Amino acid sequence: MPWELKEHAGHHYAVLFHYALPEDAWAVELSEAVPAVAEAAESPDATVTHLPGAGFLVALVPDEDPALQPAVRVWSPEERVVPYEVMCWFMEQVADQVERCRTAFEQGEAGTVE
């Protein structure tokens, strides 16, 4: 499952991409990133300092029916503040995934887009 990281105002955020089988859609999930395990961070080959945490915003991007619209689900047991710049970055990631899914559908490759 690939992910992207972003630092903003001293906080780390992650966008994780994975396929959500029950929804037949790609999930683009925003979370606060958590520090990588100390042993991995100390490895000479380690370039990953943070990993995705528990997601609190999930965009579901259908890839088998272009008539279905993407939707965003909000989940958090506590109140969260998402900085505007981070929200824009997340929505750009979602828009890119929508474009990839629609292009793949047009080319007959639904279900194979990351």
PDB file of N, CA and C in Angstrom:
ATOM      1  N   MET A   1       0.846  -1.175   0.000  1.00  0.00           N
ATOM      2  CA  MET A   1       0.000   0.000   0.000  1.00  0.00           C
ATOM      3  C   MET A   1       0.892   1.239   0.000  1.00  0.00           C
ATOM      4  N   PRO A   2       0.898   1.948  -1.072  1.00  0.00           N
ATOM      5  CA  PRO A   2       1.736   3.154  -1.137  1.00  0.00           C
ATOM      6  C   PRO A   2       1.150   4.295  -0.307  1.00  0.00           C
ATOM      7  N   TRP A   3       2.024   5.187   0.106  1.00  0.00           N
ATOM      8  CA  TRP A   3       1.580   6.364   0.829  1.00  0.00           C
ATOM      9  C   TRP A   3       2.483   7.540   0.515  1.00  0.00           C
ATOM     10  N   GLU A   4       1.961   8.730   0.810  1.00  0.00           N
ATOM     11  CA  GLU A   4       2.693   9.987   0.651  1.00  0.00           C
ATOM     12  C   GLU A   4       2.735  10.663   2.025  1.00  0.00           C
ATOM     13  N   LEU A   5       3.821  11.370   2.307  1.00  0.00           N
ATOM     14  CA  LEU A   5       3.964  12.082   3.575  1.00  0.00           C
ATOM     15  C   LEU A   5       4.083  13.574   3.331  1.00  0.00           C
ATOM     16  N   LYS A   6       3.610  14.352   4.305  1.00  0.00           N
ATOM     17  CA  LYS A   6       3.730  15.806   4.233  1.00  0.00           C
ATOM     18  C   LYS A   6       3.930  16.333   5.646  1.00  0.00           C
ATOM     19  N   GLU A   7       4.855  17.265   5.787  1.00  0.00           N
ATOM     20  CA  GLU A   7       5.044  17.941   7.066  1.00  0.00           C
ATOM     21  C   GLU A   7       4.458  19.335   6.963  1.00  0.00           C
ATOM     22  N   HIS A   8       3.731  19.736   7.994  1.00  0.00           N
ATOM     23  CA  HIS A   8       3.139  21.072   8.018  1.00  0.00           C
ATOM     24  C   HIS A   8       3.126  21.566   9.458  1.00  0.00           C
ATOM     25  N   ALA A   9       3.750  22.689   9.699  1.00  0.00           N
ATOM     26  CA  ALA A   9       3.767  23.343  11.008  1.00  0.00           C
ATOM     27  C   ALA A   9       4.198  22.382  12.118  1.00  0.00           C
ATOM     28  N   GLY A  10       5.213  21.570  11.839  1.00  0.00           N
ATOM     29  CA  GLY A  10       5.742  20.663  12.840  1.00  0.00           C
ATOM     30  C   GLY A  10       4.972  19.363  13.013  1.00  0.00           C
ATOM     31  N   HIS A  11       3.901  19.157  12.249  1.00  0.00           N
ATOM     32  CA  HIS A  11       3.127  17.921  12.303  1.00  0.00           C
ATOM     33  C   HIS A  11       3.333  17.159  10.996  1.00  0.00           C
ATOM     34  N   HIS A  12       3.268  15.854  11.086  1.00  0.00           N
ATOM     35  CA  HIS A  12       3.402  15.003   9.901  1.00  0.00           C
ATOM     36  C   HIS A  12       2.056  14.385   9.570  1.00  0.00           C
ATOM     37  N   TYR A  13       1.741  14.364   8.290  1.00  0.00           N
ATOM     38  CA  TYR A  13       0.486  13.801   7.792  1.00  0.00           C
ATOM     39  C   TYR A  13       0.815  12.777   6.728  1.00  0.00           C
ATOM     40  N   ALA A  14      -0.088  11.819   6.558  1.00  0.00           N
ATOM     41  CA  ALA A  14       0.114  10.782   5.549  1.00  0.00           C
ATOM     42  C   ALA A  14      -1.169  10.587   4.757  1.00  0.00           C
ATOM     43  N   VAL A  15      -0.998  10.296   3.483  1.00  0.00           N
ATOM     44  CA  VAL A  15      -2.105   9.863   2.630  1.00  0.00           C
ATOM     45  C   VAL A  15      -1.753   8.451   2.182  1.00  0.00           C
ATOM     46  N   LEU A  16      -2.618   7.511   2.529  1.00  0.00           N
ATOM     47  CA  LEU A  16      -2.431   6.097   2.224  1.00  0.00           C
ATOM     48  C   LEU A  16      -3.433   5.699   1.152  1.00  0.00           C
ATOM     49  N   PHE A  17      -2.984   4.920   0.169  1.00  0.00           N
ATOM     50  CA  PHE A  17      -3.837   4.441  -0.918  1.00  0.00           C
ATOM     51  C   PHE A  17      -4.014   2.931  -0.771  1.00  0.00           C
ATOM     52  N   HIS A  18      -5.252   2.467  -0.742  1.00  0.00           N
ATOM     53  CA  HIS A  18      -5.504   1.027  -0.716  1.00  0.00           C
ATOM     54  C   HIS A  18      -6.872   0.745  -1.331  1.00  0.00           C
ATOM     55  N   TYR A  19      -7.074  -0.500  -1.700  1.00  0.00           N
ATOM     56  CA  TYR A  19      -8.352  -0.880  -2.306  1.00  0.00           C
ATOM     57  C   TYR A  19      -9.297  -1.353  -1.223  1.00  0.00           C
ATOM     58  N   ALA A  20     -10.507  -0.785  -1.185  1.00  0.00           N
ATOM     59  CA  ALA A  20     -11.540  -1.148  -0.216  1.00  0.00           C
ATOM     60  C   ALA A  20     -12.524  -2.081  -0.911  1.00  0.00           C
ATOM     61  N   LEU A  21     -12.348  -3.374  -0.720  1.00  0.00           N
ATOM     62  CA  LEU A  21     -13.187  -4.362  -1.402  1.00  0.00           C
ATOM     63  C   LEU A  21     -14.682  -4.203  -1.144  1.00  0.00           C
ATOM     64  N   PRO A  22     -15.118  -3.984   0.097  1.00  0.00           N
ATOM     65  CA  PRO A  22     -16.570  -3.885   0.316  1.00  0.00           C
ATOM     66  C   PRO A  22     -17.229  -2.759  -0.495  1.00  0.00           C
ATOM     67  N   GLU A  23     -16.471  -1.695  -0.756  1.00  0.00           N
ATOM     68  CA  GLU A  23     -17.016  -0.557  -1.504  1.00  0.00           C
ATOM     69  C   GLU A  23     -16.699  -0.623  -2.998  1.00  0.00           C
ATOM     70  N   ASP A  24     -15.903  -1.595  -3.424  1.00  0.00           N
ATOM     71  CA  ASP A  24     -15.422  -1.648  -4.812  1.00  0.00           C
ATOM     72  C   ASP A  24     -14.875  -0.289  -5.232  1.00  0.00           C
ATOM     73  N   ALA A  25     -13.964   0.223  -4.404  1.00  0.00           N
ATOM     74  CA  ALA A  25     -13.420   1.553  -4.651  1.00  0.00           C
ATOM     75  C   ALA A  25     -12.019   1.656  -4.067  1.00  0.00           C
ATOM     76  N   TRP A  26     -11.250   2.579  -4.629  1.00  0.00           N
ATOM     77  CA  TRP A  26      -9.961   2.923  -4.042  1.00  0.00           C
ATOM     78  C   TRP A  26     -10.210   3.842  -2.863  1.00  0.00           C
ATOM     79  N   ALA A  27      -9.496   3.618  -1.782  1.00  0.00           N
ATOM     80  CA  ALA A  27      -9.585   4.470  -0.604  1.00  0.00           C
ATOM     81  C   ALA A  27      -8.330   5.329  -0.549  1.00  0.00           C
ATOM     82  N   VAL A  28      -8.535   6.610  -0.388  1.00  0.00           N
ATOM     83  CA  VAL A  28      -7.442   7.568  -0.204  1.00  0.00           C
ATOM     84  C   VAL A  28      -7.644   8.099   1.207  1.00  0.00           C
ATOM     85  N   GLU A  29      -6.745   7.749   2.111  1.00  0.00           N
ATOM     86  CA  GLU A  29      -6.961   7.933   3.539  1.00  0.00           C
ATOM     87  C   GLU A  29      -5.977   8.937   4.130  1.00  0.00           C
ATOM     88  N   LEU A  30      -6.478   9.963   4.807  1.00  0.00           N
ATOM     89  CA  LEU A  30      -5.637  10.970   5.463  1.00  0.00           C
ATOM     90  C   LEU A  30      -5.502  10.626   6.934  1.00  0.00           C
ATOM     91  N   SER A  31      -4.260  10.701   7.438  1.00  0.00           N
ATOM     92  CA  SER A  31      -4.010  10.454   8.854  1.00  0.00           C
ATOM     93  C   SER A  31      -2.882  11.350   9.332  1.00  0.00           C
ATOM     94  N   GLU A  32      -2.755  11.439  10.654  1.00  0.00           N
ATOM     95  CA  GLU A  32      -1.550  12.026  11.210  1.00  0.00           C
ATOM     96  C   GLU A  32      -0.516  10.911  11.185  1.00  0.00           C
ATOM     97  N   ALA A  33       0.651  11.214  10.650  1.00  0.00           N
ATOM     98  CA  ALA A  33       1.697  10.200  10.555  1.00  0.00           C
ATOM     99  C   ALA A  33       2.320   9.987  11.930  1.00  0.00           C
ATOM    100  N   VAL A  34       2.780   8.772  12.168  1.00  0.00           N
ATOM    101  CA  VAL A  34       3.416   8.421  13.432  1.00  0.00           C
ATOM    102  C   VAL A  34       4.880   8.097  13.162  1.00  0.00           C
ATOM    103  N   PRO A  35       5.741   8.332  14.147  1.00  0.00           N
ATOM    104  CA  PRO A  35       7.165   8.025  13.937  1.00  0.00           C
ATOM    105  C   PRO A  35       7.370   6.554  13.622  1.00  0.00           C
ATOM    106  N   ALA A  36       8.314   6.288  12.737  1.00  0.00           N
ATOM    107  CA  ALA A  36       8.666   4.910  12.382  1.00  0.00           C
ATOM    108  C   ALA A  36       9.340   4.256  13.579  1.00  0.00           C
ATOM    109  N   VAL A  37       9.309   2.950  13.630  1.00  0.00           N
ATOM    110  CA  VAL A  37       9.945   2.201  14.706  1.00  0.00           C
ATOM    111  C   VAL A  37      11.415   2.590  14.787  1.00  0.00           C
ATOM    112  N   ALA A  38      11.919   2.753  15.987  1.00  0.00           N
ATOM    113  CA  ALA A  38      13.289   3.236  16.196  1.00  0.00           C
ATOM    114  C   ALA A  38      14.327   2.385  15.473  1.00  0.00           C
ATOM    115  N   GLU A  39      14.191   1.037  15.511  1.00  0.00           N
ATOM    116  CA  GLU A  39      15.179   0.180  14.852  1.00  0.00           C
ATOM    117  C   GLU A  39      15.226   0.450  13.354  1.00  0.00           C
ATOM    118  N   ALA A  40      14.051   0.626  12.753  1.00  0.00           N
ATOM    119  CA  ALA A  40      14.000   0.892  11.311  1.00  0.00           C
ATOM    120  C   ALA A  40      14.584   2.258  11.005  1.00  0.00           C
ATOM    121  N   ALA A  41      14.325   3.234  11.864  1.00  0.00           N
ATOM    122  CA  ALA A  41      14.825   4.589  11.632  1.00  0.00           C
ATOM    123  C   ALA A  41      16.338   4.654  11.755  1.00  0.00           C
ATOM    124  N   GLU A  42      16.951   3.757  12.570  1.00  0.00           N
ATOM    125  CA  GLU A  42      18.398   3.769  12.768  1.00  0.00           C
ATOM    126  C   GLU A  42      19.142   2.968  11.701  1.00  0.00           C
ATOM    127  N   SER A  43      18.439   2.211  10.903  1.00  0.00           N
ATOM    128  CA  SER A  43      19.067   1.418   9.861  1.00  0.00           C
ATOM    129  C   SER A  43      19.714   2.341   8.837  1.00  0.00           C
ATOM    130  N   PRO A  44      20.894   1.973   8.316  1.00  0.00           N
ATOM    131  CA  PRO A  44      21.552   2.842   7.327  1.00  0.00           C
ATOM    132  C   PRO A  44      20.735   3.001   6.046  1.00  0.00           C
ATOM    133  N   ASP A  45      19.863   2.040   5.748  1.00  0.00           N
ATOM    134  CA  ASP A  45      19.031   2.120   4.552  1.00  0.00           C
ATOM    135  C   ASP A  45      17.704   2.820   4.807  1.00  0.00           C
ATOM    136  N   ALA A  46      17.436   3.193   6.047  1.00  0.00           N
ATOM    137  CA  ALA A  46      16.134   3.749   6.392  1.00  0.00           C
ATOM    138  C   ALA A  46      15.991   5.174   5.870  1.00  0.00           C
ATOM    139  N   THR A  47      14.977   5.376   5.088  1.00  0.00           N
ATOM    140  CA  THR A  47      14.646   6.716   4.622  1.00  0.00           C
ATOM    141  C   THR A  47      13.277   7.123   5.136  1.00  0.00           C
ATOM    142  N   VAL A  48      12.558   6.171   5.722  1.00  0.00           N
ATOM    143  CA  VAL A  48      11.218   6.421   6.231  1.00  0.00           C
ATOM    144  C   VAL A  48      11.308   6.811   7.698  1.00  0.00           C
ATOM    145  N   THR A  49      10.884   8.017   8.017  1.00  0.00           N
ATOM    146  CA  THR A  49      10.898   8.471   9.403  1.00  0.00           C
ATOM    147  C   THR A  49       9.511   8.409  10.025  1.00  0.00           C
ATOM    148  N   HIS A  50       8.467   8.434   9.185  1.00  0.00           N
ATOM    149  CA  HIS A  50       7.088   8.388   9.667  1.00  0.00           C
ATOM    150  C   HIS A  50       6.271   7.432   8.802  1.00  0.00           C
ATOM    151  N   LEU A  51       5.249   6.871   9.426  1.00  0.00           N
ATOM    152  CA  LEU A  51       4.332   5.954   8.749  1.00  0.00           C
ATOM    153  C   LEU A  51       2.906   6.453   8.927  1.00  0.00           C
ATOM    154  N   PRO A  52       1.984   6.031   8.060  1.00  0.00           N
ATOM    155  CA  PRO A  52       0.583   6.438   8.228  1.00  0.00           C
ATOM    156  C   PRO A  52       0.038   5.974   9.574  1.00  0.00           C
ATOM    157  N   GLY A  53      -0.764   6.818  10.186  1.00  0.00           N
ATOM    158  CA  GLY A  53      -1.436   6.466  11.434  1.00  0.00           C
ATOM    159  C   GLY A  53      -2.874   6.066  11.140  1.00  0.00           C
ATOM    160  N   ALA A  54      -3.711   6.168  12.149  1.00  0.00           N
ATOM    161  CA  ALA A  54      -5.132   5.837  11.987  1.00  0.00           C
ATOM    162  C   ALA A  54      -5.813   6.924  11.153  1.00  0.00           C
ATOM    163  N   GLY A  55      -6.477   6.520  10.085  1.00  0.00           N
ATOM    164  CA  GLY A  55      -7.113   7.469   9.177  1.00  0.00           C
ATOM    165  C   GLY A  55      -8.325   8.142   9.805  1.00  0.00           C
ATOM    166  N   PHE A  56      -8.501   9.434   9.476  1.00  0.00           N
ATOM    167  CA  PHE A  56      -9.683  10.142   9.950  1.00  0.00           C
ATOM    168  C   PHE A  56     -10.491  10.755   8.816  1.00  0.00           C
ATOM    169  N   LEU A  57      -9.939  10.813   7.625  1.00  0.00           N
ATOM    170  CA  LEU A  57     -10.677  11.198   6.415  1.00  0.00           C
ATOM    171  C   LEU A  57     -10.381  10.138   5.363  1.00  0.00           C
ATOM    172  N   VAL A  58     -11.419   9.606   4.758  1.00  0.00           N
ATOM    173  CA  VAL A  58     -11.231   8.592   3.716  1.00  0.00           C
ATOM    174  C   VAL A  58     -12.078   8.965   2.518  1.00  0.00           C
ATOM    175  N   ALA A  59     -11.424   9.154   1.380  1.00  0.00           N
ATOM    176  CA  ALA A  59     -12.143   9.385   0.128  1.00  0.00           C
ATOM    177  C   ALA A  59     -12.256   8.046  -0.573  1.00  0.00           C
ATOM    178  N   LEU A  60     -13.466   7.676  -0.956  1.00  0.00           N
ATOM    179  CA  LEU A  60     -13.705   6.447  -1.692  1.00  0.00           C
ATOM    180  C   LEU A  60     -13.910   6.797  -3.150  1.00  0.00           C
ATOM    181  N   VAL A  61     -13.070   6.233  -4.009  1.00  0.00           N
ATOM    182  CA  VAL A  61     -13.079   6.538  -5.436  1.00  0.00           C
ATOM    183  C   VAL A  61     -13.483   5.274  -6.195  1.00  0.00           C
ATOM    184  N   PRO A  62     -14.741   5.192  -6.640  1.00  0.00           N
ATOM    185  CA  PRO A  62     -15.177   4.009  -7.396  1.00  0.00           C
ATOM    186  C   PRO A  62     -14.371   3.863  -8.681  1.00  0.00           C
ATOM    187  N   ASP A  63     -14.011   2.622  -8.999  1.00  0.00           N
ATOM    188  CA  ASP A  63     -13.204   2.407 -10.199  1.00  0.00           C
ATOM    189  C   ASP A  63     -13.883   1.502 -11.223  1.00  0.00           C
ATOM    190  N   GLU A  64     -15.070   1.005 -10.909  1.00  0.00           N
ATOM    191  CA  GLU A  64     -15.737   0.111 -11.852  1.00  0.00           C
ATOM    192  C   GLU A  64     -16.949   0.726 -12.524  1.00  0.00           C
ATOM    193  N   ASP A  65     -17.394   1.869 -12.055  1.00  0.00           N
ATOM    194  CA  ASP A  65     -18.557   2.548 -12.635  1.00  0.00           C
ATOM    195  C   ASP A  65     -18.316   4.052 -12.579  1.00  0.00           C
ATOM    196  N   PRO A  66     -17.968   4.667 -13.703  1.00  0.00           N
ATOM    197  CA  PRO A  66     -17.670   6.101 -13.694  1.00  0.00           C
ATOM    198  C   PRO A  66     -18.881   6.970 -13.361  1.00  0.00           C
ATOM    199  N   ALA A  67     -20.072   6.405 -13.363  1.00  0.00           N
ATOM    200  CA  ALA A  67     -21.259   7.170 -12.991  1.00  0.00           C
ATOM    201  C   ALA A  67     -21.337   7.377 -11.477  1.00  0.00           C
ATOM    202  N   LEU A  68     -20.675   6.513 -10.714  1.00  0.00           N
ATOM    203  CA  LEU A  68     -20.653   6.669  -9.257  1.00  0.00           C
ATOM    204  C   LEU A  68     -19.681   7.780  -8.887  1.00  0.00           C
ATOM    205  N   GLN A  69     -20.099   8.639  -7.983  1.00  0.00           N
ATOM    206  CA  GLN A  69     -19.268   9.767  -7.586  1.00  0.00           C
ATOM    207  C   GLN A  69     -18.403   9.418  -6.376  1.00  0.00           C
ATOM    208  N   PRO A  70     -17.184   9.939  -6.334  1.00  0.00           N
ATOM    209  CA  PRO A  70     -16.362   9.766  -5.143  1.00  0.00           C
ATOM    210  C   PRO A  70     -17.038  10.414  -3.935  1.00  0.00           C
ATOM    211  N   ALA A  71     -16.744   9.903  -2.768  1.00  0.00           N
ATOM    212  CA  ALA A  71     -17.315  10.448  -1.534  1.00  0.00           C
ATOM    213  C   ALA A  71     -16.233  10.471  -0.461  1.00  0.00           C
ATOM    214  N   VAL A  72     -16.367  11.396   0.487  1.00  0.00           N
ATOM    215  CA  VAL A  72     -15.418  11.493   1.591  1.00  0.00           C
ATOM    216  C   VAL A  72     -16.147  11.129   2.879  1.00  0.00           C
ATOM    217  N   ARG A  73     -15.545  10.211   3.626  1.00  0.00           N
ATOM    218  CA  ARG A  73     -16.071   9.827   4.939  1.00  0.00           C
ATOM    219  C   ARG A  73     -15.174  10.436   6.006  1.00  0.00           C
ATOM    220  N   VAL A  74     -15.801  10.962   7.030  1.00  0.00           N
ATOM    221  CA  VAL A  74     -15.068  11.540   8.152  1.00  0.00           C
ATOM    222  C   VAL A  74     -15.236  10.603   9.337  1.00  0.00           C
ATOM    223  N   TRP A  75     -14.130  10.218   9.941  1.00  0.00           N
ATOM    224  CA  TRP A  75     -14.194   9.378  11.124  1.00  0.00           C
ATOM    225  C   TRP A  75     -13.128   9.830  12.099  1.00  0.00           C
ATOM    226  N   SER A  76     -13.569  10.102  13.324  1.00  0.00           N
ATOM    227  CA  SER A  76     -12.632  10.445  14.371  1.00  0.00           C
ATOM    228  C   SER A  76     -13.357  10.392  15.704  1.00  0.00           C
ATOM    229  N   PRO A  77     -12.789   9.694  16.670  1.00  0.00           N
ATOM    230  CA  PRO A  77     -13.431   9.657  17.977  1.00  0.00           C
ATOM    231  C   PRO A  77     -13.251  10.971  18.732  1.00  0.00           C
ATOM    232  N   GLU A  78     -12.402  11.828  18.232  1.00  0.00           N
ATOM    233  CA  GLU A  78     -12.166  13.123  18.866  1.00  0.00           C
ATOM    234  C   GLU A  78     -12.132  14.211  17.798  1.00  0.00           C
ATOM    235  N   GLU A  79     -12.305  15.434  18.226  1.00  0.00           N
ATOM    236  CA  GLU A  79     -12.279  16.554  17.282  1.00  0.00           C
ATOM    237  C   GLU A  79     -10.886  16.704  16.686  1.00  0.00           C
ATOM    238  N   ARG A  80     -10.830  17.001  15.408  1.00  0.00           N
ATOM    239  CA  ARG A  80      -9.562  17.211  14.715  1.00  0.00           C
ATOM    240  C   ARG A  80      -9.606  18.523  13.971  1.00  0.00           C
ATOM    241  N   VAL A  81      -8.462  19.148  13.873  1.00  0.00           N
ATOM    242  CA  VAL A  81      -8.304  20.334  13.059  1.00  0.00           C
ATOM    243  C   VAL A  81      -7.352  19.965  11.932  1.00  0.00           C
ATOM    244  N   VAL A  82      -7.819  20.140  10.700  1.00  0.00           N
ATOM    245  CA  VAL A  82      -6.981  19.846   9.540  1.00  0.00           C
ATOM    246  C   VAL A  82      -6.604  21.187   8.916  1.00  0.00           C
ATOM    247  N   PRO A  83      -5.314  21.516   8.897  1.00  0.00           N
ATOM    248  CA  PRO A  83      -4.901  22.777   8.286  1.00  0.00           C
ATOM    249  C   PRO A  83      -5.319  22.845   6.814  1.00  0.00           C
ATOM    250  N   TYR A  84      -5.652  24.035   6.367  1.00  0.00           N
ATOM    251  CA  TYR A  84      -6.114  24.255   4.997  1.00  0.00           C
ATOM    252  C   TYR A  84      -5.126  23.676   3.986  1.00  0.00           C
ATOM    253  N   GLU A  85      -3.843  23.934   4.161  1.00  0.00           N
ATOM    254  CA  GLU A  85      -2.825  23.450   3.214  1.00  0.00           C
ATOM    255  C   GLU A  85      -2.824  21.919   3.149  1.00  0.00           C
ATOM    256  N   VAL A  86      -3.011  21.265   4.287  1.00  0.00           N
ATOM    257  CA  VAL A  86      -3.048  19.799   4.323  1.00  0.00           C
ATOM    258  C   VAL A  86      -4.308  19.290   3.632  1.00  0.00           C
ATOM    259  N   MET A  87      -5.447  19.968   3.869  1.00  0.00           N
ATOM    260  CA  MET A  87      -6.691  19.562   3.216  1.00  0.00           C
ATOM    261  C   MET A  87      -6.588  19.714   1.699  1.00  0.00           C
ATOM    262  N   CYS A  88      -5.969  20.782   1.241  1.00  0.00           N
ATOM    263  CA  CYS A  88      -5.775  20.966  -0.206  1.00  0.00           C
ATOM    264  C   CYS A  88      -4.890  19.863  -0.766  1.00  0.00           C
ATOM    265  N   TRP A  89      -3.823  19.521  -0.068  1.00  0.00           N
ATOM    266  CA  TRP A  89      -2.926  18.439  -0.496  1.00  0.00           C
ATOM    267  C   TRP A  89      -3.689  17.120  -0.576  1.00  0.00           C
ATOM    268  N   PHE A  90      -4.499  16.827   0.449  1.00  0.00           N
ATOM    269  CA  PHE A  90      -5.298  15.604   0.453  1.00  0.00           C
ATOM    270  C   PHE A  90      -6.250  15.582  -0.735  1.00  0.00           C
ATOM    271  N   MET A  91      -6.954  16.670  -0.971  1.00  0.00           N
ATOM    272  CA  MET A  91      -7.920  16.714  -2.070  1.00  0.00           C
ATOM    273  C   MET A  91      -7.229  16.623  -3.430  1.00  0.00           C
ATOM    274  N   GLU A  92      -6.004  17.131  -3.553  1.00  0.00           N
ATOM    275  CA  GLU A  92      -5.240  16.947  -4.800  1.00  0.00           C
ATOM    276  C   GLU A  92      -4.935  15.470  -5.018  1.00  0.00           C
ATOM    277  N   GLN A  93      -4.589  14.761  -3.943  1.00  0.00           N
ATOM    278  CA  GLN A  93      -4.339  13.328  -4.040  1.00  0.00           C
ATOM    279  C   GLN A  93      -5.610  12.589  -4.467  1.00  0.00           C
ATOM    280  N   VAL A  94      -6.745  13.003  -3.913  1.00  0.00           N
ATOM    281  CA  VAL A  94      -8.031  12.392  -4.273  1.00  0.00           C
ATOM    282  C   VAL A  94      -8.342  12.666  -5.740  1.00  0.00           C
ATOM    283  N   ALA A  95      -8.175  13.918  -6.176  1.00  0.00           N
ATOM    284  CA  ALA A  95      -8.455  14.272  -7.574  1.00  0.00           C
ATOM    285  C   ALA A  95      -7.570  13.477  -8.528  1.00  0.00           C
ATOM    286  N   ASP A  96      -6.300  13.284  -8.164  1.00  0.00           N
ATOM    287  CA  ASP A  96      -5.405  12.476  -9.001  1.00  0.00           C
ATOM    288  C   ASP A  96      -5.888  11.030  -9.086  1.00  0.00           C
ATOM    289  N   GLN A  97      -6.370  10.482  -7.963  1.00  0.00           N
ATOM    290  CA  GLN A  97      -6.861   9.103  -7.968  1.00  0.00           C
ATOM    291  C   GLN A  97      -8.129   8.980  -8.807  1.00  0.00           C
ATOM    292  N   VAL A  98      -9.013   9.972  -8.718  1.00  0.00           N
ATOM    293  CA  VAL A  98     -10.222   9.974  -9.551  1.00  0.00           C
ATOM    294  C   VAL A  98      -9.837   9.946 -11.025  1.00  0.00           C
ATOM    295  N   GLU A  99      -8.887  10.771 -11.398  1.00  0.00           N
ATOM    296  CA  GLU A  99      -8.441  10.828 -12.789  1.00  0.00           C
ATOM    297  C   GLU A  99      -7.846   9.494 -13.232  1.00  0.00           C
ATOM    298  N   ARG A 100      -6.990   8.893 -12.383  1.00  0.00           N
ATOM    299  CA  ARG A 100      -6.397   7.590 -12.726  1.00  0.00           C
ATOM    300  C   ARG A 100      -7.473   6.526 -12.903  1.00  0.00           C
ATOM    301  N   CYS A 101      -8.466   6.502 -12.002  1.00  0.00           N
ATOM    302  CA  CYS A 101      -9.521   5.488 -12.088  1.00  0.00           C
ATOM    303  C   CYS A 101     -10.376   5.678 -13.337  1.00  0.00           C
ATOM    304  N   ARG A 102     -10.706   6.912 -13.641  1.00  0.00           N
ATOM    305  CA  ARG A 102     -11.534   7.164 -14.832  1.00  0.00           C
ATOM    306  C   ARG A 102     -10.770   6.841 -16.115  1.00  0.00           C
ATOM    307  N   THR A 103      -9.492   7.162 -16.148  1.00  0.00           N
ATOM    308  CA  THR A 103      -8.681   6.845 -17.320  1.00  0.00           C
ATOM    309  C   THR A 103      -8.574   5.329 -17.484  1.00  0.00           C
ATOM    310  N   ALA A 104      -8.336   4.617 -16.384  1.00  0.00           N
ATOM    311  CA  ALA A 104      -8.230   3.157 -16.444  1.00  0.00           C
ATOM    312  C   ALA A 104      -9.551   2.539 -16.890  1.00  0.00           C
ATOM    313  N   PHE A 105     -10.670   3.090 -16.404  1.00  0.00           N
ATOM    314  CA  PHE A 105     -11.966   2.553 -16.808  1.00  0.00           C
ATOM    315  C   PHE A 105     -12.161   2.715 -18.310  1.00  0.00           C
ATOM    316  N   GLU A 106     -11.811   3.887 -18.827  1.00  0.00           N
ATOM    317  CA  GLU A 106     -11.950   4.142 -20.264  1.00  0.00           C
ATOM    318  C   GLU A 106     -11.069   3.210 -21.086  1.00  0.00           C
ATOM    319  N   GLN A 107      -9.935   2.807 -20.511  1.00  0.00           N
ATOM    320  CA  GLN A 107      -9.021   1.919 -21.224  1.00  0.00           C
ATOM    321  C   GLN A 107      -9.297   0.451 -20.918  1.00  0.00           C
ATOM    322  N   GLY A 108     -10.341   0.183 -20.154  1.00  0.00           N
ATOM    323  CA  GLY A 108     -10.727  -1.187 -19.840  1.00  0.00           C
ATOM    324  C   GLY A 108      -9.865  -1.850 -18.788  1.00  0.00           C
ATOM    325  N   GLU A 109      -9.272  -1.044 -17.886  1.00  0.00           N
ATOM    326  CA  GLU A 109      -8.381  -1.585 -16.861  1.00  0.00           C
ATOM    327  C   GLU A 109      -8.931  -1.377 -15.461  1.00  0.00           C
ATOM    328  N   ALA A 110     -10.218  -1.309 -15.264  1.00  0.00           N
ATOM    329  CA  ALA A 110     -10.805  -1.057 -13.947  1.00  0.00           C
ATOM    330  C   ALA A 110     -10.293  -2.064 -12.936  1.00  0.00           C
ATOM    331  N   GLY A 111     -10.057  -1.595 -11.706  1.00  0.00           N
ATOM    332  CA  GLY A 111      -9.585  -2.468 -10.630  1.00  0.00           C
ATOM    333  C   GLY A 111      -8.093  -2.662 -10.591  1.00  0.00           C
ATOM    334  N   THR A 112      -7.338  -2.021 -11.492  1.00  0.00           N
ATOM    335  CA  THR A 112      -5.898  -2.233 -11.527  1.00  0.00           C
ATOM    336  C   THR A 112      -5.117  -0.959 -11.246  1.00  0.00           C
ATOM    337  N   VAL A 113      -5.783   0.102 -10.849  1.00  0.00           N
ATOM    338  CA  VAL A 113      -5.110   1.403 -10.660  1.00  0.00           C
ATOM    339  C   VAL A 113      -4.675   1.564  -9.224  1.00  0.00           C
ATOM    340  N   GLU A 114      -3.453   2.081  -9.013  1.00  0.00           N
ATOM    341  CA  GLU A 114      -2.967   2.414  -7.676  1.00  0.00           C
ATOM    342  C   GLU A 114      -2.922   3.902  -7.521  1.00  0.00           C
TER     343      GLU A 114
END
